[in-house]
Amino acid sequence: MNPDRRDFLTLGIGALAVSSLPFALRGRPSLVRRRVPLMGTIAEVAVPSRNEVWAHRAIDAAIAELRRVEASMTRFEARSDIGRLNGAGGRWVSVSEDTGTVLREARRWANVSDGRFDPAMGRVVRLWDVGHRNEPPEVGEFGHFANRGLWSALENDQGATVSRARLTSSEAAIDLGGIAKGFAVDVAAQALRDHGVFDGLVNVGGDLVGLGVDAAGDPWRIGVRSPQSSDEIVQVLDVSDEAIATSGDYLQFFQHSGRRYHHLIDPKTGAPRRTAMRSLTIRADHCVDADAGATALYGAPTATIERIAARAGSGVRVIHNIEEVTP
């Protein structure tokens, strides 16, 4: 039997929902939670606790980490690490240790995915801008960037005291939208642990880490939403000390001439991926890998998914995908 929408509490705006029944019905510790706008979506941190003051202190620390990552890795702020890197004209730029870590992870994912994940497609992402467009750009505008392997223009290294990076091509611009959220979730979850919280949840727009167990001592119950209806849960996942991320074509898109143009750009074409896949959910040991994996593997054939997941390691595996049903 499919779970009823009433059995779930929406934590954030995204492709996943979190069960609320253990807290509402079982007389256990209450769910202390906070939601804030971050990274273009809603971030939420939830902790089951009988001590709300203690829980809120831990949540404060987790949200501070989310904001810190956003401030350093956003492409929308010229003074951020990524803003300075994109505007440096090929010169070396000093970046934070965390930004250096994410840039290295982005390069690793570009390599293991044979370029299906490309963090240097920032100019193409800005060109499509699916949140504000109502028709696609001309082919000549985005075709210029197709199959360029722009990620190879990203160089970064970690010295004894500083991380630095540069771009060796004027066509490349960094956009960490497919990986930075996952990293932010990981460091926020670590902030909870550092404050003695080992049961909790960090969710940023559907990229999440479930720590330990819920108030009833059970794994967190995560519902995967249907691409057709946000009120329908199509699968329930048990999550404990692991990460989940979902990519799909139904949250950021525009329609034109009967076709859906979504935000998941294919580096081989410079355009949104054309696929029957509507949604892909990845489980991994860390959210940085779940996030990048969901981006890289969305729309890939089964054999390609299996090969890349095996090469990526870090516990990356597909646990659910939804394809368009054609009558």
Protein backbone atom coordinates (compact mmCIF):
# COMPACT_ATOMS: atom_id res chain seq x y z
CA MET A 1 0.00 0.00 0.00
CA ASN A 2 1.37 3.45 -0.86
CA PRO A 3 1.92 5.68 2.17
CA ASP A 4 -0.58 8.45 2.59
CA ARG A 5 0.60 12.06 2.27
CA ARG A 6 -0.89 12.73 5.70
CA ASP A 7 1.71 10.40 7.24
CA PHE A 8 4.51 12.79 6.27
CA LEU A 9 5.72 16.16 7.42
CA THR A 10 7.27 18.26 4.67
CA LEU A 11 10.74 19.34 5.75
CA GLY A 12 11.88 21.82 3.11
CA ILE A 13 10.96 22.39 -0.49
CA GLY A 14 12.19 19.53 -2.63
CA ALA A 15 11.73 15.96 -3.70
CA LEU A 16 11.69 14.33 -0.25
CA ALA A 17 9.41 14.33 2.79
CA VAL A 18 10.04 13.18 6.35
CA SER A 19 7.70 11.13 8.52
CA SER A 20 6.22 12.99 11.48
CA LEU A 21 4.29 10.16 13.14
CA PRO A 22 6.95 9.05 15.65
CA PHE A 23 6.90 12.49 17.31
CA ALA A 24 3.20 13.23 17.05
CA LEU A 25 1.80 9.93 18.29
CA ARG A 26 4.26 8.08 20.48
CA GLY A 27 4.83 10.41 23.39
CA ARG A 28 8.55 10.60 22.72
CA PRO A 29 10.84 13.65 22.69
CA SER A 30 9.49 16.50 20.60
CA LEU A 31 10.95 17.41 17.24
CA VAL A 32 12.81 20.71 17.58
CA ARG A 33 13.27 22.17 14.11
CA ARG A 34 14.16 25.34 12.28
CA ARG A 35 13.74 26.34 8.65
CA VAL A 36 15.56 29.16 6.88
CA PRO A 37 15.90 30.28 3.25
CA LEU A 38 19.33 29.27 1.95
CA MET A 39 20.96 28.31 -1.35
CA GLY A 40 17.88 29.18 -3.35
CA THR A 41 15.67 26.79 -1.40
CA ILE A 42 14.57 26.03 2.17
CA ALA A 43 17.07 24.54 4.61
CA GLU A 44 15.85 22.75 7.70
CA VAL A 45 17.49 21.21 10.70
CA ALA A 46 15.54 18.94 13.04
CA VAL A 47 16.56 17.37 16.35
CA PRO A 48 14.43 15.10 18.56
CA SER A 49 15.01 16.28 22.11
CA ARG A 50 13.42 16.91 25.49
CA ASN A 51 15.78 19.88 25.98
CA GLU A 52 14.80 22.58 23.50
CA VAL A 53 17.50 25.04 24.60
CA TRP A 54 20.25 22.47 23.97
CA ALA A 55 18.68 21.44 20.66
CA HIS A 56 18.41 25.03 19.45
CA ARG A 57 22.08 25.68 20.25
CA ALA A 58 23.08 22.74 18.09
CA ILE A 59 20.70 23.88 15.35
CA ASP A 60 22.22 27.39 15.52
CA ALA A 61 25.65 25.89 14.87
CA ALA A 62 24.40 23.77 11.96
CA ILE A 63 22.67 26.72 10.29
CA ALA A 64 25.79 28.86 10.76
CA GLU A 65 27.75 26.23 8.82
CA LEU A 66 25.17 26.21 6.02
CA ARG A 67 25.40 30.00 5.74
CA ARG A 68 29.19 29.92 5.78
CA VAL A 69 29.31 27.46 2.88
CA GLU A 70 26.75 29.46 0.92
CA ALA A 71 28.69 32.70 1.42
CA SER A 72 31.96 31.22 0.16
CA MET A 73 30.66 29.07 -2.69
CA THR A 74 27.83 31.06 -4.27
CA ARG A 75 28.41 32.19 -7.86
CA PHE A 76 26.03 35.12 -7.37
CA GLU A 77 28.37 37.17 -5.17
CA ALA A 78 31.50 38.68 -6.73
CA ARG A 79 33.34 38.63 -3.39
CA SER A 80 32.74 34.94 -2.66
CA ASP A 81 35.49 32.40 -3.37
CA ILE A 82 33.70 31.31 -6.52
CA GLY A 83 32.88 34.86 -7.59
CA ARG A 84 36.53 35.86 -7.26
CA LEU A 85 37.68 32.70 -9.08
CA ASN A 86 35.32 33.33 -11.98
CA GLY A 87 36.40 36.95 -12.23
CA ALA A 88 40.15 36.40 -11.92
CA GLY A 89 40.93 36.15 -15.64
CA GLY A 90 42.97 32.99 -15.21
CA ARG A 91 45.02 34.17 -12.23
CA TRP A 92 45.45 32.06 -9.12
CA VAL A 93 42.93 32.92 -6.37
CA SER A 94 43.21 31.99 -2.71
CA VAL A 95 40.11 30.17 -1.47
CA SER A 96 38.99 28.70 1.83
CA GLU A 97 39.98 25.17 2.74
CA ASP A 98 36.36 24.06 2.37
CA THR A 99 36.05 25.62 -1.09
CA GLY A 100 39.30 23.91 -2.08
CA THR A 101 37.88 20.60 -0.85
CA VAL A 102 34.68 21.00 -2.86
CA LEU A 103 36.61 22.02 -6.00
CA ARG A 104 38.74 18.87 -5.68
CA GLU A 105 35.63 16.74 -5.17
CA ALA A 106 34.03 18.40 -8.21
CA ARG A 107 37.07 17.55 -10.34
CA ARG A 108 37.00 13.99 -9.04
CA TRP A 109 33.34 13.60 -9.98
CA ALA A 110 33.98 15.10 -13.41
CA ASN A 111 36.71 12.52 -13.92
CA VAL A 112 34.87 9.43 -12.66
CA SER A 113 31.70 10.41 -14.56
CA ASP A 114 33.53 10.95 -17.86
CA GLY A 115 32.45 14.58 -17.82
CA ARG A 116 28.75 13.99 -17.10
CA PHE A 117 29.37 16.17 -14.04
CA ASP A 118 31.07 19.41 -15.08
CA PRO A 119 31.45 22.17 -12.46
CA ALA A 120 32.81 24.65 -15.04
CA MET A 121 29.56 25.03 -17.03
CA GLY A 122 28.58 28.20 -15.19
CA ARG A 123 28.19 30.27 -18.37
CA VAL A 124 25.80 27.70 -19.80
CA VAL A 125 23.78 27.53 -16.58
CA ARG A 126 23.42 31.33 -16.63
CA LEU A 127 22.44 31.23 -20.29
CA TRP A 128 19.58 28.79 -19.72
CA ASP A 129 18.42 30.39 -16.43
CA VAL A 130 15.33 28.16 -16.36
CA GLY A 131 13.82 30.04 -13.41
CA HIS A 132 13.32 33.15 -15.53
CA ARG A 133 13.12 31.98 -19.15
CA ASN A 134 10.00 30.98 -21.06
CA GLU A 135 11.74 29.89 -24.26
CA PRO A 136 15.12 28.28 -25.00
CA PRO A 137 18.13 30.28 -26.22
CA GLU A 138 19.30 29.91 -29.81
CA VAL A 139 21.25 26.74 -30.56
CA GLY A 140 24.29 28.79 -31.51
CA GLU A 141 24.39 30.33 -28.05
CA PHE A 142 24.64 27.10 -26.07
CA GLY A 143 25.99 24.76 -28.78
CA HIS A 144 29.31 26.56 -28.55
CA PHE A 145 29.82 25.00 -25.10
CA ALA A 146 28.82 21.44 -26.03
CA ASN A 147 31.20 18.58 -25.30
CA ARG A 148 34.05 20.91 -24.33
CA GLY A 149 35.13 19.20 -21.11
CA LEU A 150 35.43 22.59 -19.48
CA TRP A 151 36.14 21.05 -16.08
CA SER A 152 39.69 20.36 -17.27
CA ALA A 153 40.28 24.14 -17.20
CA LEU A 154 39.90 24.10 -13.40
CA GLU A 155 43.18 23.83 -11.52
CA ASN A 156 43.40 23.81 -7.76
CA ASP A 157 45.91 22.79 -5.13
CA GLN A 158 46.25 22.69 -1.39
CA GLY A 159 49.43 24.10 0.08
CA ALA A 160 50.59 23.93 3.66
CA THR A 161 48.74 27.09 4.63
CA VAL A 162 46.40 28.03 1.75
CA SER A 163 44.13 26.59 -0.92
CA ARG A 164 44.11 28.22 -4.33
CA ALA A 165 42.46 27.73 -7.70
CA ARG A 166 42.38 29.15 -11.21
CA LEU A 167 40.61 28.70 -14.55
CA THR A 168 42.78 28.32 -17.64
CA SER A 169 40.00 28.95 -20.17
CA SER A 170 37.89 32.08 -20.59
CA GLU A 171 34.96 29.82 -21.55
CA ALA A 172 34.93 28.18 -18.11
CA ALA A 173 33.05 29.50 -15.09
CA ILE A 174 32.50 27.58 -11.89
CA ASP A 175 29.00 26.69 -10.74
CA LEU A 176 28.93 24.36 -7.73
CA GLY A 177 25.15 24.02 -7.75
CA GLY A 178 25.41 20.25 -8.19
CA ILE A 179 27.70 19.60 -5.25
CA ALA A 180 27.97 22.50 -2.76
CA LYS A 181 24.57 21.83 -1.16
CA GLY A 182 25.63 18.27 -0.40
CA PHE A 183 28.87 19.47 1.17
CA ALA A 184 26.97 22.07 3.21
CA VAL A 185 24.66 19.36 4.54
CA ASP A 186 27.67 17.26 5.54
CA VAL A 187 29.35 20.07 7.51
CA ALA A 188 26.04 21.05 9.14
CA ALA A 189 25.54 17.43 10.22
CA GLN A 190 29.06 17.45 11.66
CA ALA A 191 28.21 20.63 13.57
CA LEU A 192 25.33 18.75 15.21
CA ARG A 193 27.69 15.92 16.17
CA ASP A 194 30.19 18.43 17.57
CA HIS A 195 27.40 19.68 19.86
CA GLY A 196 26.60 16.17 21.06
CA VAL A 197 23.65 15.57 18.72
CA PHE A 198 23.78 12.11 17.17
CA ASP A 199 20.09 11.83 16.25
CA GLY A 200 18.87 14.50 13.86
CA LEU A 201 18.21 15.56 10.32
CA VAL A 202 19.70 18.19 8.00
CA ASN A 203 17.76 18.82 4.78
CA VAL A 204 18.55 21.46 2.18
CA GLY A 205 15.96 21.32 -0.57
CA GLY A 206 15.98 17.52 -0.73
CA ASP A 207 19.69 16.91 -0.12
CA LEU A 208 19.76 15.44 3.35
CA VAL A 209 21.64 13.54 6.01
CA GLY A 210 19.78 11.48 8.58
CA LEU A 211 21.77 11.08 11.79
CA GLY A 212 21.09 8.09 14.02
CA VAL A 213 17.45 7.42 14.67
CA ASP A 214 14.23 9.29 15.27
CA ALA A 215 12.63 9.79 18.67
CA ALA A 216 11.14 6.31 18.60
CA GLY A 217 14.52 4.68 18.00
CA ASP A 218 13.71 3.88 14.38
CA PRO A 219 15.55 4.98 11.22
CA TRP A 220 14.29 8.22 9.72
CA ARG A 221 11.49 7.54 7.25
CA ILE A 222 12.07 9.51 4.05
CA GLY A 223 9.37 9.67 1.40
CA VAL A 224 10.27 10.16 -2.27
CA ARG A 225 7.73 12.43 -3.88
CA SER A 226 6.10 11.77 -7.21
CA PRO A 227 7.16 14.06 -10.07
CA GLN A 228 3.49 14.24 -11.04
CA SER A 229 2.15 15.32 -7.64
CA SER A 230 3.87 16.76 -4.57
CA ASP A 231 1.09 15.19 -2.48
CA GLU A 232 1.99 11.65 -3.55
CA ILE A 233 4.76 9.58 -1.94
CA VAL A 234 6.00 6.86 -4.30
CA GLN A 235 8.58 5.17 -2.08
CA VAL A 236 9.60 5.21 1.57
CA LEU A 237 13.28 4.92 2.54
CA ASP A 238 14.79 4.14 5.94
CA VAL A 239 17.78 6.41 6.55
CA SER A 240 20.27 6.22 9.42
CA ASP A 241 23.73 7.80 9.37
CA GLU A 242 23.73 8.23 5.61
CA ALA A 243 22.87 10.72 2.92
CA ILE A 244 20.14 10.97 0.28
CA ALA A 245 19.83 13.30 -2.72
CA THR A 246 17.32 13.45 -5.56
CA SER A 247 17.59 15.10 -8.97
CA GLY A 248 14.54 15.66 -11.13
CA ASP A 249 13.07 17.71 -13.94
CA TYR A 250 9.96 18.89 -12.09
CA LEU A 251 11.16 21.55 -9.62
CA GLN A 252 13.11 23.97 -11.84
CA PHE A 253 11.90 24.14 -15.44
CA PHE A 254 9.88 25.95 -18.09
CA GLN A 255 7.64 24.59 -20.83
CA HIS A 256 7.99 25.58 -24.47
CA SER A 257 6.34 24.05 -27.55
CA GLY A 258 5.35 20.96 -25.61
CA ARG A 259 8.82 20.28 -24.20
CA ARG A 260 10.05 20.64 -20.63
CA TYR A 261 13.36 22.49 -20.26
CA HIS A 262 14.80 21.77 -16.81
CA HIS A 263 17.94 22.88 -14.94
CA LEU A 264 20.01 19.69 -15.32
CA ILE A 265 22.37 20.59 -18.15
CA ASP A 266 24.08 17.90 -20.23
CA PRO A 267 27.72 18.96 -20.79
CA LYS A 268 27.77 17.01 -24.04
CA THR A 269 25.03 19.16 -25.60
CA GLY A 270 25.05 22.35 -23.54
CA ALA A 271 21.28 21.91 -23.09
CA PRO A 272 18.97 20.25 -20.56
CA ARG A 273 19.27 16.47 -20.67
CA ARG A 274 16.73 14.76 -22.89
CA THR A 275 15.60 11.62 -21.11
CA ALA A 276 12.52 9.70 -20.06
CA MET A 277 13.83 9.81 -16.50
CA ARG A 278 11.86 12.19 -14.27
CA SER A 279 13.58 11.60 -10.95
CA LEU A 280 16.69 9.86 -9.62
CA THR A 281 17.44 9.24 -5.93
CA ILE A 282 20.94 8.42 -4.72
CA ARG A 283 22.10 7.06 -1.38
CA ALA A 284 25.71 7.57 -0.24
CA ASP A 285 27.91 7.70 2.83
CA HIS A 286 28.24 11.49 2.44
CA CYS A 287 25.88 14.05 1.00
CA VAL A 288 28.57 15.65 -1.17
CA ASP A 289 28.68 12.36 -3.10
CA ALA A 290 24.91 11.86 -3.12
CA ASP A 291 24.44 15.39 -4.51
CA ALA A 292 27.10 15.09 -7.22
CA GLY A 293 26.00 11.55 -8.02
CA ALA A 294 22.36 12.54 -8.50
CA THR A 295 23.48 15.32 -10.85
CA ALA A 296 25.92 13.19 -12.84
CA LEU A 297 23.77 10.07 -13.12
CA TYR A 298 20.43 11.70 -13.90
CA GLY A 299 19.31 10.55 -17.34
CA ALA A 300 22.11 8.00 -17.79
CA PRO A 301 21.50 4.44 -19.05
CA THR A 302 21.53 1.71 -16.40
CA ALA A 303 24.93 0.34 -17.44
CA THR A 304 26.47 3.82 -17.28
CA ILE A 305 24.95 4.45 -13.84
CA GLU A 306 26.35 1.19 -12.50
CA ARG A 307 29.82 1.84 -13.94
CA ILE A 308 30.09 5.40 -12.63
CA ALA A 309 28.67 4.52 -9.20
CA ALA A 310 31.26 1.75 -8.85
CA ARG A 311 34.08 4.10 -9.84
CA ALA A 312 32.86 6.83 -7.49
CA GLY A 313 32.87 4.60 -4.40
CA SER A 314 31.76 6.30 -1.13
CA GLY A 315 28.74 4.02 -0.95
CA VAL A 316 27.07 5.67 -3.97
CA ARG A 317 24.11 3.69 -5.21
CA VAL A 318 20.81 4.33 -6.94
CA ILE A 319 17.83 3.47 -4.79
CA HIS A 320 14.97 4.83 -6.86
CA ASN A 321 14.33 6.26 -10.29
CA ILE A 322 11.13 7.33 -11.95
CA GLU A 323 10.62 7.38 -15.71
CA GLU A 324 7.89 8.96 -17.79
CA VAL A 325 5.08 6.52 -18.42
CA THR A 326 4.04 6.60 -22.07
CA PRO A 327 0.54 5.29 -22.83
